[in-house]
C-alpha atoms as a PDB file:
ATOM      1  CA  MET A   1      14.867  40.452  43.119  1.00  0.00           C
ATOM      2  CA  LYS A   2      13.688  37.642  45.168  1.00  0.00           C
ATOM      3  CA  PHE A   3      16.505  35.788  46.938  1.00  0.00           C
ATOM      4  CA  GLU A   4      16.027  31.915  47.682  1.00  0.00           C
ATOM      5  CA  ALA A   5      18.202  31.847  50.481  1.00  0.00           C
ATOM      6  CA  THR A   6      18.134  34.174  53.877  1.00  0.00           C
ATOM      7  CA  PRO A   7      21.143  36.096  54.834  1.00  0.00           C
ATOM      8  CA  THR A   8      21.920  33.755  57.504  1.00  0.00           C
ATOM      9  CA  GLU A   9      21.688  30.876  55.319  1.00  0.00           C
ATOM     10  CA  GLN A  10      23.963  32.806  52.793  1.00  0.00           C
ATOM     11  CA  LEU A  11      26.530  33.539  55.413  1.00  0.00           C
ATOM     12  CA  ARG A  12      26.749  29.977  56.585  1.00  0.00           C
ATOM     13  CA  GLU A  13      27.376  28.460  53.293  1.00  0.00           C
ATOM     14  CA  ILE A  14      29.886  31.259  52.330  1.00  0.00           C
ATOM     15  CA  LYS A  15      31.663  30.309  55.792  1.00  0.00           C
ATOM     16  CA  LYS A  16      32.048  26.696  54.902  1.00  0.00           C
ATOM     17  CA  GLY A  17      35.632  25.673  54.481  1.00  0.00           C
ATOM     18  CA  VAL A  18      36.661  29.205  55.782  1.00  0.00           C
ATOM     19  CA  SER A  19      38.803  29.866  58.921  1.00  0.00           C
ATOM     20  CA  GLU A  20      37.910  33.339  59.147  1.00  0.00           C
ATOM     21  CA  LEU A  21      35.446  36.085  57.487  1.00  0.00           C
ATOM     22  CA  LEU A  22      36.472  39.508  58.330  1.00  0.00           C
ATOM     23  CA  PRO A  23      34.611  41.653  59.025  1.00  0.00           C
ATOM     24  CA  GLU A  24      31.650  39.079  59.458  1.00  0.00           C
ATOM     25  CA  ALA A  25      29.056  41.445  61.191  1.00  0.00           C
ATOM     26  CA  GLU A  26      29.484  44.038  58.425  1.00  0.00           C
ATOM     27  CA  PHE A  27      29.242  41.309  55.652  1.00  0.00           C
ATOM     28  CA  LEU A  28      26.010  39.889  57.274  1.00  0.00           C
ATOM     29  CA  LYS A  29      24.641  43.585  57.465  1.00  0.00           C
ATOM     30  CA  LYS A  30      25.448  43.841  53.766  1.00  0.00           C
ATOM     31  CA  LEU A  31      23.612  40.651  52.882  1.00  0.00           C
ATOM     32  CA  GLU A  32      20.638  41.612  55.153  1.00  0.00           C
ATOM     33  CA  ASP A  33      20.299  45.104  53.178  1.00  0.00           C
ATOM     34  CA  SER A  34      20.638  43.355  50.097  1.00  0.00           C
ATOM     35  CA  TYR A  35      17.811  40.746  51.020  1.00  0.00           C
ATOM     36  CA  ARG A  36      15.466  43.595  52.527  1.00  0.00           C
ATOM     37  CA  ASP A  37      15.800  45.787  49.320  1.00  0.00           C
ATOM     38  CA  GLY A  38      15.831  43.004  46.910  1.00  0.00           C
ATOM     39  CA  ARG A  39      18.940  44.005  45.199  1.00  0.00           C
ATOM     40  CA  PRO A  40      22.082  42.034  44.590  1.00  0.00           C
ATOM     41  CA  LEU A  41      25.445  42.718  46.221  1.00  0.00           C
ATOM     42  CA  VAL A  42      28.077  43.925  43.721  1.00  0.00           C
ATOM     43  CA  VAL A  43      31.243  42.126  44.571  1.00  0.00           C
ATOM     44  CA  LYS A  44      34.670  42.811  42.888  1.00  0.00           C
ATOM     45  CA  PHE A  45      37.759  40.791  42.737  1.00  0.00           C
ATOM     46  CA  GLY A  46      40.866  41.928  40.785  1.00  0.00           C
ATOM     47  CA  ALA A  47      43.727  39.880  39.507  1.00  0.00           C
ATOM     48  CA  ASP A  48      47.233  41.149  38.579  1.00  0.00           C
ATOM     49  CA  PRO A  49      48.174  39.858  35.344  1.00  0.00           C
ATOM     50  CA  SER A  50      51.935  40.946  35.895  1.00  0.00           C
ATOM     51  CA  ARG A  51      52.224  38.451  38.648  1.00  0.00           C
ATOM     52  CA  PRO A  52      53.287  34.797  37.929  1.00  0.00           C
ATOM     53  CA  ASP A  53      51.732  33.524  41.261  1.00  0.00           C
ATOM     54  CA  LEU A  54      48.061  32.740  40.573  1.00  0.00           C
ATOM     55  CA  HIS A  55      47.968  29.412  42.951  1.00  0.00           C
ATOM     56  CA  LEU A  56      45.624  27.112  44.265  1.00  0.00           C
ATOM     57  CA  GLY A  57      44.695  29.495  47.219  1.00  0.00           C
ATOM     58  CA  HIS A  58      42.954  31.442  44.615  1.00  0.00           C
ATOM     59  CA  ALA A  59      40.517  28.781  44.048  1.00  0.00           C
ATOM     60  CA  VAL A  60      38.842  29.413  47.425  1.00  0.00           C
ATOM     61  CA  VAL A  61      38.145  32.974  46.392  1.00  0.00           C
ATOM     62  CA  ILE A  62      36.638  32.204  42.922  1.00  0.00           C
ATOM     63  CA  ASN A  63      34.714  29.230  44.489  1.00  0.00           C
ATOM     64  CA  LYS A  64      33.187  31.757  47.043  1.00  0.00           C
ATOM     65  CA  LEU A  65      32.596  34.339  44.149  1.00  0.00           C
ATOM     66  CA  LYS A  66      30.814  31.544  42.265  1.00  0.00           C
ATOM     67  CA  LEU A  67      28.805  30.744  45.391  1.00  0.00           C
ATOM     68  CA  LEU A  68      27.670  34.527  45.736  1.00  0.00           C
ATOM     69  CA  GLN A  69      26.541  34.383  42.113  1.00  0.00           C
ATOM     70  CA  ASP A  70      24.425  31.276  42.882  1.00  0.00           C
ATOM     71  CA  PHE A  71      22.858  33.373  45.510  1.00  0.00           C
ATOM     72  CA  GLY A  72      22.033  35.991  43.009  1.00  0.00           C
ATOM     73  CA  HIS A  73      24.527  38.516  43.531  1.00  0.00           C
ATOM     74  CA  GLU A  74      26.723  40.284  40.780  1.00  0.00           C
ATOM     75  CA  VAL A  75      30.526  39.379  40.647  1.00  0.00           C
ATOM     76  CA  ASN A  76      32.909  41.434  38.566  1.00  0.00           C
ATOM     77  CA  PHE A  77      36.018  39.637  38.164  1.00  0.00           C
ATOM     78  CA  LEU A  78      38.842  42.039  37.067  1.00  0.00           C
ATOM     79  CA  ILE A  79      41.866  41.708  35.421  1.00  0.00           C
ATOM     80  CA  GLY A  80      43.980  44.737  35.161  1.00  0.00           C
ATOM     81  CA  ASP A  81      45.342  45.615  31.843  1.00  0.00           C
ATOM     82  CA  PHE A  82      46.415  49.541  31.739  1.00  0.00           C
ATOM     83  CA  THR A  83      47.802  49.618  35.252  1.00  0.00           C
ATOM     84  CA  ALA A  84      49.734  46.551  34.832  1.00  0.00           C
ATOM     85  CA  GLN A  85      51.523  48.443  31.990  1.00  0.00           C
ATOM     86  CA  ILE A  86      52.413  51.452  33.629  1.00  0.00           C
ATOM     87  CA  GLY A  87      52.587  50.160  37.261  1.00  0.00           C
ATOM     88  CA  ASP A  88      50.735  50.491  40.774  1.00  0.00           C
ATOM     89  CA  PRO A  89      49.781  54.113  41.585  1.00  0.00           C
ATOM     90  CA  THR A  90      49.695  53.683  45.201  1.00  0.00           C
ATOM     91  CA  GLY A  91      52.907  55.691  45.831  1.00  0.00           C
ATOM     92  CA  ARG A  92      55.518  52.910  44.946  1.00  0.00           C
ATOM     93  CA  LYS A  93      58.299  54.408  43.100  1.00  0.00           C
ATOM     94  CA  LYS A  94      59.212  51.399  40.987  1.00  0.00           C
ATOM     95  CA  THR A  95      57.150  50.135  37.925  1.00  0.00           C
ATOM     96  CA  ARG A  96      56.018  46.640  37.852  1.00  0.00           C
ATOM     97  CA  VAL A  97      58.252  43.912  36.490  1.00  0.00           C
ATOM     98  CA  GLN A  98      56.743  42.834  33.138  1.00  0.00           C
ATOM     99  CA  PHE A  99      56.075  39.166  32.609  1.00  0.00           C
ATOM    100  CA  GLY A 100      55.673  38.451  28.914  1.00  0.00           C
ATOM    101  CA  SER A 101      54.826  41.232  26.324  1.00  0.00           C
ATOM    102  CA  ILE A 102      51.525  43.175  26.390  1.00  0.00           C
ATOM    103  CA  GLN A 103      50.709  44.514  23.163  1.00  0.00           C
END
């Protein structure tokens, strides 16, 4: 794959409108490796459908995901389904509160 923008150019565009990118050096290294090897980054973003609080702040992340796509990277936008039905398996004792019915 041939990228149009260098890793530094990609990083500069991604940082626009962002107060902080952590860890920036690690992200730049991944962009450089991707550029050098000619393979896109695979970026995943997960949304919890059991939460009613999808808000304007998520637009920033979604816009940055679109920007990464425009640079040629692969974006996987995940909306949980099965784990949303049974609860979070991170050690919490409580099942998530269900919003609406899942059929």
